[in-house]
Protein backbone atom coordinates (compact mmCIF):
# COMPACT_ATOMS: atom_id res chain seq x y z
CA MET A 1 81.40 -235.73 126.84
CA TYR A 2 80.28 -238.92 125.15
CA SER A 3 82.61 -241.41 123.53
CA CYS A 4 82.54 -244.60 121.52
CA GLU A 5 84.94 -247.46 122.27
CA LYS A 6 87.42 -246.22 119.65
CA HIS A 7 87.77 -242.66 121.04
CA VAL A 8 87.57 -243.24 124.81
CA GLU A 9 91.28 -242.57 125.42
CA ILE A 10 91.13 -239.24 123.56
CA ALA A 11 88.04 -238.23 125.53
CA LEU A 12 89.72 -239.14 128.81
CA ASP A 13 92.78 -237.05 127.91
CA GLU A 14 90.63 -234.03 127.00
CA VAL A 15 88.64 -234.17 130.25
CA ILE A 16 91.83 -234.54 132.31
CA ASP A 17 93.46 -231.62 130.49
CA GLU A 18 90.38 -229.44 130.93
CA HIS A 19 89.56 -230.21 134.57
CA GLU A 20 92.97 -231.35 135.89
CA MET A 21 91.23 -234.06 137.90
CA PRO A 22 90.49 -237.75 137.33
CA PRO A 23 87.38 -238.12 135.20
CA GLU A 24 84.25 -240.09 136.00
CA ILE A 25 83.37 -242.75 133.45
CA GLU A 26 79.85 -244.12 133.12
CA LEU A 27 78.62 -246.80 130.77
CA VAL A 28 75.80 -245.45 128.61
CA GLN A 29 72.70 -247.64 128.82
CA SER A 30 71.70 -249.30 125.55
CA GLN A 31 68.42 -247.36 125.27
CA GLU A 32 70.34 -244.06 125.66
CA ARG A 33 72.96 -244.87 123.00
CA ILE A 34 70.64 -244.01 120.13
CA SER A 35 70.28 -240.40 121.26
CA ASN A 36 73.86 -239.90 122.50
CA ARG A 37 76.65 -239.85 119.94
CA CYS A 38 80.42 -239.88 120.24
CA SER A 39 81.85 -236.36 120.39
CA PHE A 40 84.53 -237.34 117.85
CA CYS A 41 82.88 -239.51 115.19
CA GLU A 42 79.09 -239.54 115.68
CA GLU A 43 78.96 -243.30 116.38
CA GLU A 44 76.68 -244.41 119.19
CA ALA A 45 78.26 -243.47 122.52
CA LYS A 46 79.33 -246.24 124.85
CA TYR A 47 80.75 -244.02 127.61
CA LYS A 48 79.86 -240.75 129.30
CA ILE A 49 82.98 -239.03 130.61
CA SER A 50 82.80 -236.06 132.95
CA GLY A 51 85.20 -234.15 135.14
């Protein structure tokens, strides 16, 4: 799941609820931000969150 700065807490909650484990958070590299959008608002993603 990708998230912008504004929606990172919501994304973290969803991953925790789905996987019941602490999520991994990675900073999306600037060249990757153009092709990866926030799962909630379509802004450029700043974080990749996985469980």
